Amino acid sequence: MASTRDIRRRIKSVKNTRQITKAMELVAASKMKKAQQAALASRPYAQLMANMLAALSNAPLDESMHPFLGQREVKTRGILLLSTDKGLCGPLNSNLFKLVTEIKTPAKYYAVGRKGVQFLARTKRDMVADFQVTDRVVFSDVKAAAEFLIKQYLEGVIDTIEVIYPRYKNTLVQESRVRPVLPLKSLREFLVSVQSETGIVAATPADDREILFEPGAQQVLEALLPFYIHRQIYQFVLSAKASEHSARMVAMKTAKDNATKILGELTLEYNKARQAAITQEILEIAAAAFSS
């Protein structure tokens, strides 16, 4: 049995660990709530853009003229990996990295998050660029990353834009997913995929009246689609941030509960050791008194 001094030292260490994990759990819970609010606040804007695209889908358009629409031979995939800057968030990052390791075709990688950058460098994958996004998720930061990816796509450096990210489902569940962004097969299929991914239903006109677009439907489509791609990637980043803080809160709560359990076991062990020491002292006193 360990000495009481050693047990007291371990109890103190576990108490400190429990205090730290409890503080981290509270911080993560606060950040998670803010991330959820940011994701919900962006839905009306996404809904309006979806409605505009739905109206455009009914207009006479030559979709083959837009570089985002239609298929082309895929020689090099473009993968945007959304990971975390810090650890202590359970299996969140490892699940994302597992999806990356399953990619066997030629690909170029772009990363948001320090953990993803470290993984891509460690596994010697072709990482083109990395981007910094704070917990506050400023749209201009995400837009810079999206514009760089779109530029690479239009120049033919990559033939697809795909996002690997943790989709926030609820506080306890975050699904690691590979979400294709470009190219789009058609405008209608794009709207269906948006509805299945986000739950946003694009409203189509209720009558047969002709809608006029200025300067023209084709020009509006060319201006609107890049904005929607920016917004879509921004939504993925918001989901990733909400998933990160949720996973960290759950991990820290588990660590705190485990520390509490260990603390109870150590306290019981300490009391037994102390009781044994007292009993031994009483026996020694009694034996000394008897011998004298």
Protein backbone atom coordinates (compact mmCIF):
# COMPACT_ATOMS: atom_id res chain seq x y z
CA MET A 1 0.00 0.00 0.00
CA ALA A 2 1.28 3.50 -0.88
CA SER A 3 2.19 5.86 1.93
CA THR A 4 -0.27 8.54 3.02
CA ARG A 5 2.12 11.22 1.77
CA ASP A 6 2.11 9.73 -1.75
CA ILE A 7 -1.67 9.40 -1.73
CA ARG A 8 -2.09 13.03 -0.58
CA ARG A 9 0.18 14.13 -3.42
CA ARG A 10 -1.89 12.20 -5.96
CA ILE A 11 -5.15 13.60 -4.53
CA LYS A 12 -3.81 17.14 -4.91
CA SER A 13 -2.74 16.43 -8.50
CA VAL A 14 -6.14 14.97 -9.43
CA LYS A 15 -7.94 17.93 -7.83
CA ASN A 16 -5.89 20.34 -9.93
CA THR A 17 -6.65 18.33 -13.08
CA ARG A 18 -10.37 18.31 -12.31
CA GLN A 19 -10.35 22.06 -11.76
CA ILE A 20 -8.63 22.67 -15.11
CA THR A 21 -10.92 20.35 -17.07
CA LYS A 22 -14.00 21.91 -15.46
CA ALA A 23 -12.84 25.39 -16.51
CA MET A 24 -12.14 24.18 -20.05
CA GLU A 25 -15.57 22.56 -20.20
CA LEU A 26 -17.25 25.85 -19.29
CA VAL A 27 -15.20 27.81 -21.83
CA ALA A 28 -16.00 25.29 -24.58
CA ALA A 29 -19.71 25.40 -23.70
CA SER A 30 -19.72 29.19 -24.03
CA LYS A 31 -17.90 29.10 -27.39
CA MET A 32 -20.18 26.33 -28.63
CA LYS A 33 -23.27 28.43 -27.94
CA LYS A 34 -21.80 31.38 -29.84
CA ALA A 35 -20.87 29.15 -32.78
CA GLN A 36 -24.42 27.73 -32.88
CA GLN A 37 -25.90 31.23 -32.85
CA ALA A 38 -23.59 32.30 -35.70
CA ALA A 39 -24.63 29.28 -37.77
CA LEU A 40 -28.34 30.01 -37.18
CA ALA A 41 -27.89 33.73 -37.91
CA SER A 42 -26.56 32.96 -41.40
CA ARG A 43 -29.56 30.85 -42.41
CA PRO A 44 -31.84 33.74 -43.57
CA TYR A 45 -29.12 34.96 -45.95
CA ALA A 46 -28.60 31.43 -47.30
CA GLN A 47 -32.38 31.02 -47.67
CA LEU A 48 -32.66 34.22 -49.70
CA MET A 49 -29.83 33.19 -52.03
CA ALA A 50 -31.39 29.74 -52.47
CA ASN A 51 -34.69 31.39 -53.45
CA MET A 52 -32.87 33.55 -56.01
CA LEU A 53 -31.15 30.51 -57.51
CA ALA A 54 -34.49 28.68 -57.61
CA ALA A 55 -35.98 31.56 -59.58
CA LEU A 56 -33.01 31.46 -61.95
CA SER A 57 -33.42 27.70 -62.47
CA ASN A 58 -36.76 28.39 -64.18
CA ALA A 59 -35.25 30.94 -66.56
CA PRO A 60 -33.87 30.03 -70.00
CA LEU A 61 -30.16 29.58 -69.31
CA ASP A 62 -27.20 28.10 -71.13
CA GLU A 63 -25.68 26.37 -68.11
CA SER A 64 -22.81 25.00 -70.18
CA MET A 65 -21.45 28.54 -70.47
CA HIS A 66 -20.77 28.79 -66.74
CA PRO A 67 -17.44 27.26 -65.58
CA PHE A 68 -19.02 26.00 -62.34
CA LEU A 69 -21.68 23.95 -64.15
CA GLY A 70 -21.01 20.78 -66.07
CA GLN A 71 -18.51 18.00 -65.64
CA ARG A 72 -14.88 17.72 -66.73
CA GLU A 73 -12.21 15.07 -66.48
CA VAL A 74 -10.92 14.84 -62.91
CA LYS A 75 -7.14 14.63 -62.92
CA THR A 76 -6.40 16.35 -59.61
CA ARG A 77 -8.86 16.76 -56.76
CA GLY A 78 -8.85 19.85 -54.59
CA ILE A 79 -9.43 19.02 -50.91
CA LEU A 80 -10.10 21.67 -48.25
CA LEU A 81 -9.51 20.15 -44.79
CA LEU A 82 -11.25 21.90 -41.89
CA SER A 83 -9.61 20.86 -38.62
CA THR A 84 -8.93 22.48 -35.24
CA ASP A 85 -6.09 24.67 -34.00
CA LYS A 86 -5.95 22.93 -30.62
CA GLY A 87 -6.34 19.40 -29.34
CA LEU A 88 -8.34 17.99 -26.40
CA CYS A 89 -11.44 17.53 -28.52
CA GLY A 90 -11.77 13.75 -28.53
CA PRO A 91 -11.63 11.81 -31.82
CA LEU A 92 -12.78 14.79 -33.92
CA ASN A 93 -9.51 15.35 -35.79
CA SER A 94 -8.58 11.67 -36.07
CA ASN A 95 -11.91 10.95 -37.78
CA LEU A 96 -11.19 13.71 -40.31
CA PHE A 97 -7.67 12.43 -40.94
CA LYS A 98 -9.06 8.94 -41.54
CA LEU A 99 -11.09 10.32 -44.45
CA VAL A 100 -7.94 11.96 -45.84
CA THR A 101 -5.99 8.69 -45.68
CA GLU A 102 -8.75 6.99 -47.69
CA ILE A 103 -8.07 9.32 -50.65
CA LYS A 104 -5.85 7.39 -53.08
CA THR A 105 -6.32 9.53 -56.22
CA PRO A 106 -4.05 12.53 -57.02
CA ALA A 107 -5.08 15.53 -54.95
CA LYS A 108 -3.90 18.90 -53.74
CA TYR A 109 -4.73 19.91 -50.19
CA TYR A 110 -5.71 23.18 -48.55
CA ALA A 111 -6.06 23.40 -44.79
CA VAL A 112 -7.83 25.46 -42.16
CA GLY A 113 -6.58 24.61 -38.67
CA ARG A 114 -3.13 23.91 -37.24
CA LYS A 115 -3.82 20.22 -36.58
CA GLY A 116 -4.70 19.63 -40.22
CA VAL A 117 -1.58 21.46 -41.39
CA GLN A 118 0.58 19.32 -39.12
CA PHE A 119 -1.08 16.11 -40.33
CA LEU A 120 -0.67 16.96 -44.02
CA ALA A 121 2.99 17.91 -43.48
CA ARG A 122 3.64 14.77 -41.41
CA THR A 123 2.14 12.48 -44.05
CA LYS A 124 3.97 14.37 -46.85
CA ARG A 125 0.86 15.21 -48.85
CA ASP A 126 0.75 17.93 -51.49
CA MET A 127 -0.41 20.89 -49.38
CA VAL A 128 -0.72 24.07 -51.43
CA ALA A 129 -1.85 26.59 -48.80
CA ASP A 130 -3.21 26.93 -45.28
CA PHE A 131 -5.52 29.58 -43.89
CA GLN A 132 -6.11 30.95 -40.40
CA VAL A 133 -9.68 31.32 -39.13
CA THR A 134 -10.38 32.47 -35.57
CA ASP A 135 -13.10 31.12 -33.28
CA ARG A 136 -15.17 34.19 -34.19
CA VAL A 137 -15.15 33.04 -37.88
CA VAL A 138 -14.88 36.30 -39.82
CA PHE A 139 -16.49 35.96 -43.26
CA SER A 140 -13.65 37.87 -44.96
CA ASP A 141 -11.15 35.23 -43.78
CA VAL A 142 -13.25 32.39 -45.18
CA LYS A 143 -13.90 34.34 -48.39
CA ALA A 144 -10.15 34.69 -48.98
CA ALA A 145 -9.75 30.90 -48.75
CA ALA A 146 -12.80 30.29 -51.00
CA GLU A 147 -11.58 32.76 -53.64
CA PHE A 148 -8.16 31.11 -53.70
CA LEU A 149 -9.74 27.68 -54.24
CA ILE A 150 -12.04 29.02 -56.97
CA LYS A 151 -9.07 30.64 -58.70
CA GLN A 152 -7.17 27.35 -58.62
CA TYR A 153 -10.25 25.60 -60.04
CA LEU A 154 -10.74 28.09 -62.88
CA GLU A 155 -7.03 27.96 -63.79
CA GLY A 156 -7.20 24.17 -64.06
CA VAL A 157 -4.78 23.48 -61.20
CA ILE A 158 -7.50 21.36 -59.57
CA ASP A 159 -10.57 19.81 -61.16
CA THR A 160 -12.80 19.62 -58.07
CA ILE A 161 -13.34 21.49 -54.83
CA GLU A 162 -14.26 19.20 -51.94
CA VAL A 163 -14.48 19.98 -48.25
CA ILE A 164 -13.65 17.52 -45.46
CA TYR A 165 -15.22 18.83 -42.27
CA PRO A 166 -17.05 17.71 -39.11
CA ARG A 167 -20.75 18.31 -39.66
CA TYR A 168 -22.45 19.50 -36.49
CA LYS A 169 -25.49 17.34 -35.80
CA ASN A 170 -25.95 17.89 -32.08
CA THR A 171 -23.82 18.37 -28.98
CA LEU A 172 -22.89 14.70 -28.77
CA VAL A 173 -22.68 13.81 -32.47
CA GLN A 174 -20.36 15.31 -35.09
CA GLU A 175 -20.19 13.54 -38.45
CA SER A 176 -16.98 13.66 -40.47
CA ARG A 177 -17.99 14.19 -44.08
CA VAL A 178 -16.57 14.80 -47.55
CA ARG A 179 -18.75 17.43 -49.23
CA PRO A 180 -18.28 18.16 -52.97
CA VAL A 181 -18.63 21.86 -53.83
CA LEU A 182 -17.47 22.15 -57.46
CA PRO A 183 -18.22 21.29 -60.19
CA LEU A 184 -22.02 21.44 -60.14
CA LYS A 185 -23.88 19.05 -62.43
CA SER A 186 -26.77 21.44 -62.92
CA LEU A 187 -28.48 24.27 -61.09
CA ARG A 188 -31.46 22.14 -60.07
CA GLU A 189 -29.29 19.31 -58.73
CA PHE A 190 -27.25 21.89 -56.84
CA LEU A 191 -30.41 23.18 -55.13
CA VAL A 192 -31.41 19.61 -54.21
CA SER A 193 -27.98 18.99 -52.65
CA VAL A 194 -28.22 22.26 -50.68
CA GLN A 195 -31.62 21.19 -49.35
CA SER A 196 -30.36 17.74 -48.29
CA GLU A 197 -27.25 19.20 -46.63
CA THR A 198 -28.64 22.24 -44.83
CA GLY A 199 -32.39 21.68 -44.73
CA ILE A 200 -32.92 24.98 -46.59
CA VAL A 201 -35.80 24.62 -49.03
CA ALA A 202 -35.57 26.83 -52.09
CA ALA A 203 -38.93 28.36 -52.85
CA THR A 204 -39.97 28.33 -56.50
CA PRO A 205 -42.42 30.84 -57.95
CA ALA A 206 -46.05 29.95 -57.31
CA ASP A 207 -47.28 31.21 -60.70
CA ASP A 208 -46.28 31.12 -64.34
CA ARG A 209 -45.49 34.81 -64.70
CA GLU A 210 -42.23 35.57 -66.48
CA ILE A 211 -39.54 36.98 -64.22
CA LEU A 212 -37.25 39.59 -65.74
CA PHE A 213 -33.63 39.72 -64.68
CA GLU A 214 -31.42 42.78 -65.18
CA PRO A 215 -29.03 42.91 -66.94
CA GLY A 216 -29.97 39.29 -67.77
CA ALA A 217 -30.51 35.86 -66.22
CA GLN A 218 -27.13 34.61 -67.44
CA GLN A 219 -25.28 37.58 -65.95
CA VAL A 220 -27.13 37.27 -62.65
CA LEU A 221 -26.22 33.58 -62.48
CA GLU A 222 -22.56 34.32 -63.18
CA ALA A 223 -22.49 36.89 -60.38
CA LEU A 224 -24.59 34.91 -57.91
CA LEU A 225 -22.97 31.46 -58.01
CA PRO A 226 -19.54 32.58 -56.66
CA PHE A 227 -21.29 34.35 -53.77
CA TYR A 228 -23.19 31.19 -52.94
CA ILE A 229 -20.01 29.07 -53.06
CA HIS A 230 -18.37 31.52 -50.63
CA ARG A 231 -21.37 31.29 -48.36
CA GLN A 232 -21.47 27.51 -48.56
CA ILE A 233 -17.82 27.16 -47.50
CA TYR A 234 -18.45 29.72 -44.75
CA GLN A 235 -21.31 27.54 -43.49
CA PHE A 236 -18.99 24.52 -43.43
CA VAL A 237 -16.47 26.46 -41.32
CA LEU A 238 -19.21 27.50 -38.88
CA SER A 239 -20.31 23.88 -38.59
CA ALA A 240 -16.70 22.80 -38.00
CA LYS A 241 -16.26 25.38 -35.22
CA ALA A 242 -19.49 24.32 -33.52
CA SER A 243 -18.37 20.68 -33.76
CA GLU A 244 -14.96 21.52 -32.31
CA HIS A 245 -16.34 23.27 -29.24
CA SER A 246 -19.00 20.59 -28.72
CA ALA A 247 -16.43 17.78 -28.91
CA ARG A 248 -14.08 19.64 -26.55
CA MET A 249 -16.88 20.28 -24.05
CA VAL A 250 -17.85 16.60 -24.04
CA ALA A 251 -14.20 15.49 -23.75
CA MET A 252 -13.54 17.85 -20.85
CA LYS A 253 -16.73 16.77 -19.07
CA THR A 254 -15.66 13.13 -19.41
CA ALA A 255 -12.20 14.00 -18.07
CA LYS A 256 -13.74 15.89 -15.16
CA ASP A 257 -16.05 12.98 -14.31
CA ASN A 258 -13.13 10.54 -14.48
CA ALA A 259 -11.10 12.79 -12.18
CA THR A 260 -13.97 12.88 -9.71
CA LYS A 261 -14.17 9.07 -9.76
CA ILE A 262 -10.41 8.70 -9.25
CA LEU A 263 -10.54 11.25 -6.45
CA GLY A 264 -13.15 9.19 -4.62
CA GLU A 265 -11.05 6.03 -4.95
CA LEU A 266 -7.92 7.82 -3.74
CA THR A 267 -9.77 9.32 -0.77
CA LEU A 268 -10.98 5.86 0.23
CA GLU A 269 -7.45 4.48 -0.15
CA TYR A 270 -6.06 7.35 1.93
CA ASN A 271 -8.58 6.75 4.72
CA LYS A 272 -7.73 3.04 4.78
CA ALA A 273 -4.00 3.78 4.91
CA ARG A 274 -4.49 6.34 7.68
CA GLN A 275 -6.69 3.95 9.65
CA ALA A 276 -4.10 1.19 9.30
CA ALA A 277 -1.36 3.55 10.50
CA ILE A 278 -3.41 4.59 13.55
CA THR A 279 -4.21 0.97 14.38
CA GLN A 280 -0.52 0.08 14.09
CA GLU A 281 0.42 2.92 16.44
CA ILE A 282 -2.21 1.80 19.02
CA LEU A 283 -0.89 -1.77 18.86
CA GLU A 284 2.70 -0.57 19.34
CA ILE A 285 1.68 1.56 22.38
CA ALA A 286 -0.28 -1.34 23.87
CA ALA A 287 2.63 -3.75 23.30
CA ALA A 288 5.07 -1.32 24.92
CA ALA A 289 2.80 -0.85 27.94
CA PHE A 290 2.35 -4.63 28.31
CA SER A 291 6.08 -5.34 28.08
CA SER A 292 6.89 -2.74 30.74
